[in-house]
């Protein structure tokens, strides 16, 4: 991804507790704080920052969201990606994102 900064990390997928809760991975806190410190100017409303993500063979355009409660960015994982990559809650996932 030319002109983008690449980050790689391992994280566990988790589900938001609300009804029909979305699935997310939380970026490592130190990584999130580095991103926020250097790239916060790219945030749109509500702490949303455009990104490209890759898990396994799946790559897609998405956004990460800064969550003050968790003090990190959250990457939502759509059903399509979870199904393609056979992901379940608490799976530790190798993830790449470009911002």
C-alpha atoms as a PDB file:
ATOM      1  CA  UNK A   1       0.000   0.000   0.000  1.00  0.00           C
ATOM      2  CA  UNK A   2       1.997   2.895  -1.339  1.00  0.00           C
ATOM      3  CA  UNK A   3       2.045   6.006   0.822  1.00  0.00           C
ATOM      4  CA  UNK A   4       0.384   4.277   3.735  1.00  0.00           C
ATOM      5  CA  UNK A   5       1.837   3.256   7.092  1.00  0.00           C
ATOM      6  CA  UNK A   6       1.601  -0.481   7.766  1.00  0.00           C
ATOM      7  CA  UNK A   7       0.913  -1.912  11.215  1.00  0.00           C
ATOM      8  CA  UNK A   8       0.886  -5.618  12.105  1.00  0.00           C
ATOM      9  CA  UNK A   9      -0.451  -7.114  15.316  1.00  0.00           C
ATOM     10  CA  UNK A  10      -2.122 -10.104  16.966  1.00  0.00           C
ATOM     11  CA  UNK A  11      -5.462  -9.583  18.673  1.00  0.00           C
ATOM     12  CA  UNK A  12      -8.445 -11.567  19.916  1.00  0.00           C
ATOM     13  CA  UNK A  13     -11.816 -11.019  18.287  1.00  0.00           C
ATOM     14  CA  UNK A  14     -14.611 -10.055  20.674  1.00  0.00           C
ATOM     15  CA  UNK A  15     -18.300  -9.230  20.401  1.00  0.00           C
ATOM     16  CA  UNK A  16     -19.946  -6.044  21.644  1.00  0.00           C
ATOM     17  CA  UNK A  17     -22.417  -6.918  24.402  1.00  0.00           C
ATOM     18  CA  UNK A  18     -25.437  -5.186  22.827  1.00  0.00           C
ATOM     19  CA  UNK A  19     -28.155  -6.994  20.856  1.00  0.00           C
ATOM     20  CA  UNK A  20     -26.793  -8.215  17.503  1.00  0.00           C
ATOM     21  CA  UNK A  21     -23.459  -6.880  18.692  1.00  0.00           C
ATOM     22  CA  UNK A  22     -20.714  -6.201  16.175  1.00  0.00           C
ATOM     23  CA  UNK A  23     -17.446  -8.099  16.298  1.00  0.00           C
ATOM     24  CA  UNK A  24     -14.192  -6.208  16.800  1.00  0.00           C
ATOM     25  CA  UNK A  25     -10.510  -6.511  17.449  1.00  0.00           C
ATOM     26  CA  UNK A  26      -8.824  -3.930  19.652  1.00  0.00           C
ATOM     27  CA  UNK A  27      -5.527  -2.536  18.466  1.00  0.00           C
ATOM     28  CA  UNK A  28      -2.696  -2.856  21.005  1.00  0.00           C
ATOM     29  CA  UNK A  29      -2.845   0.239  23.219  1.00  0.00           C
ATOM     30  CA  UNK A  30       0.727   1.391  22.526  1.00  0.00           C
ATOM     31  CA  UNK A  31       0.121   1.079  18.768  1.00  0.00           C
ATOM     32  CA  UNK A  32      -3.188   2.966  19.020  1.00  0.00           C
ATOM     33  CA  UNK A  33      -1.611   5.789  20.988  1.00  0.00           C
ATOM     34  CA  UNK A  34       1.211   6.062  18.423  1.00  0.00           C
ATOM     35  CA  UNK A  35      -1.349   6.198  15.589  1.00  0.00           C
ATOM     36  CA  UNK A  36      -3.420   8.797  17.431  1.00  0.00           C
ATOM     37  CA  UNK A  37      -0.373  10.908  18.238  1.00  0.00           C
ATOM     38  CA  UNK A  38       0.886  10.939  14.648  1.00  0.00           C
ATOM     39  CA  UNK A  39      -2.238  10.575  12.511  1.00  0.00           C
ATOM     40  CA  UNK A  40      -5.125  12.039  14.548  1.00  0.00           C
ATOM     41  CA  UNK A  41      -5.443  14.754  11.877  1.00  0.00           C
ATOM     42  CA  UNK A  42      -6.841  12.036   9.576  1.00  0.00           C
ATOM     43  CA  UNK A  43      -9.721  11.269  11.945  1.00  0.00           C
ATOM     44  CA  UNK A  44     -13.193  12.127  10.772  1.00  0.00           C
ATOM     45  CA  UNK A  45     -16.173  12.477  13.133  1.00  0.00           C
ATOM     46  CA  UNK A  46     -16.339  10.343  16.283  1.00  0.00           C
ATOM     47  CA  UNK A  47     -12.697   9.228  16.092  1.00  0.00           C
ATOM     48  CA  UNK A  48     -13.169   7.396  12.773  1.00  0.00           C
ATOM     49  CA  UNK A  49     -10.065   6.887  10.645  1.00  0.00           C
ATOM     50  CA  UNK A  50     -10.034   5.278   7.197  1.00  0.00           C
ATOM     51  CA  UNK A  51      -7.867   2.178   6.908  1.00  0.00           C
ATOM     52  CA  UNK A  52      -7.236  -0.910   4.814  1.00  0.00           C
ATOM     53  CA  UNK A  53      -7.143  -4.231   6.652  1.00  0.00           C
ATOM     54  CA  UNK A  54      -5.925  -7.726   5.870  1.00  0.00           C
ATOM     55  CA  UNK A  55      -6.610 -10.986   7.656  1.00  0.00           C
ATOM     56  CA  UNK A  56      -5.493 -14.186   5.978  1.00  0.00           C
ATOM     57  CA  UNK A  57      -6.329 -13.862   2.276  1.00  0.00           C
ATOM     58  CA  UNK A  58      -9.032 -11.220   2.845  1.00  0.00           C
ATOM     59  CA  UNK A  59      -8.200  -7.553   2.312  1.00  0.00           C
ATOM     60  CA  UNK A  60     -10.756  -4.735   2.509  1.00  0.00           C
ATOM     61  CA  UNK A  61     -11.267  -0.988   2.942  1.00  0.00           C
ATOM     62  CA  UNK A  62     -12.663  -0.125   6.337  1.00  0.00           C
ATOM     63  CA  UNK A  63     -12.185   2.279   9.234  1.00  0.00           C
ATOM     64  CA  UNK A  64     -10.893   2.054  12.770  1.00  0.00           C
ATOM     65  CA  UNK A  65     -12.721   3.899  15.544  1.00  0.00           C
ATOM     66  CA  UNK A  66     -11.128   5.389  18.658  1.00  0.00           C
ATOM     67  CA  UNK A  67     -12.968   4.149  21.735  1.00  0.00           C
ATOM     68  CA  UNK A  68     -12.314   6.258  24.846  1.00  0.00           C
ATOM     69  CA  UNK A  69     -13.660   3.510  27.117  1.00  0.00           C
ATOM     70  CA  UNK A  70     -11.010   1.048  25.890  1.00  0.00           C
ATOM     71  CA  UNK A  71      -8.447   3.805  25.132  1.00  0.00           C
ATOM     72  CA  UNK A  72      -7.649   2.236  21.767  1.00  0.00           C
ATOM     73  CA  UNK A  73      -8.894   1.947  18.206  1.00  0.00           C
ATOM     74  CA  UNK A  74     -11.375  -0.778  17.340  1.00  0.00           C
ATOM     75  CA  UNK A  75     -11.436  -2.564  13.993  1.00  0.00           C
ATOM     76  CA  UNK A  76     -14.908  -3.927  13.141  1.00  0.00           C
ATOM     77  CA  UNK A  77     -14.996  -7.363  11.490  1.00  0.00           C
ATOM     78  CA  UNK A  78     -17.878  -7.836   9.059  1.00  0.00           C
ATOM     79  CA  UNK A  79     -19.708 -11.174   8.859  1.00  0.00           C
ATOM     80  CA  UNK A  80     -18.357 -11.662   5.324  1.00  0.00           C
ATOM     81  CA  UNK A  81     -14.744 -11.517   6.567  1.00  0.00           C
ATOM     82  CA  UNK A  82     -15.424 -13.663   9.651  1.00  0.00           C
ATOM     83  CA  UNK A  83     -17.041 -16.310   7.458  1.00  0.00           C
ATOM     84  CA  UNK A  84     -14.341 -16.264   4.751  1.00  0.00           C
ATOM     85  CA  UNK A  85     -11.530 -16.546   7.300  1.00  0.00           C
ATOM     86  CA  UNK A  86     -13.449 -18.889   9.679  1.00  0.00           C
ATOM     87  CA  UNK A  87     -13.071 -16.587  12.699  1.00  0.00           C
ATOM     88  CA  UNK A  88     -14.720 -17.090  16.075  1.00  0.00           C
ATOM     89  CA  UNK A  89     -14.781 -15.091  19.318  1.00  0.00           C
ATOM     90  CA  UNK A  90     -11.536 -15.312  21.287  1.00  0.00           C
ATOM     91  CA  UNK A  91      -9.573 -16.473  18.226  1.00  0.00           C
ATOM     92  CA  UNK A  92      -6.166 -14.816  18.173  1.00  0.00           C
ATOM     93  CA  UNK A  93      -5.876 -13.249  14.742  1.00  0.00           C
ATOM     94  CA  UNK A  94      -2.879 -11.939  12.809  1.00  0.00           C
ATOM     95  CA  UNK A  95      -3.909  -8.584  11.336  1.00  0.00           C
ATOM     96  CA  UNK A  96      -2.331  -5.996   9.055  1.00  0.00           C
ATOM     97  CA  UNK A  97      -3.714  -2.502   8.652  1.00  0.00           C
ATOM     98  CA  UNK A  98      -2.584   0.390   6.517  1.00  0.00           C
ATOM     99  CA  UNK A  99      -3.399   3.971   7.443  1.00  0.00           C
END
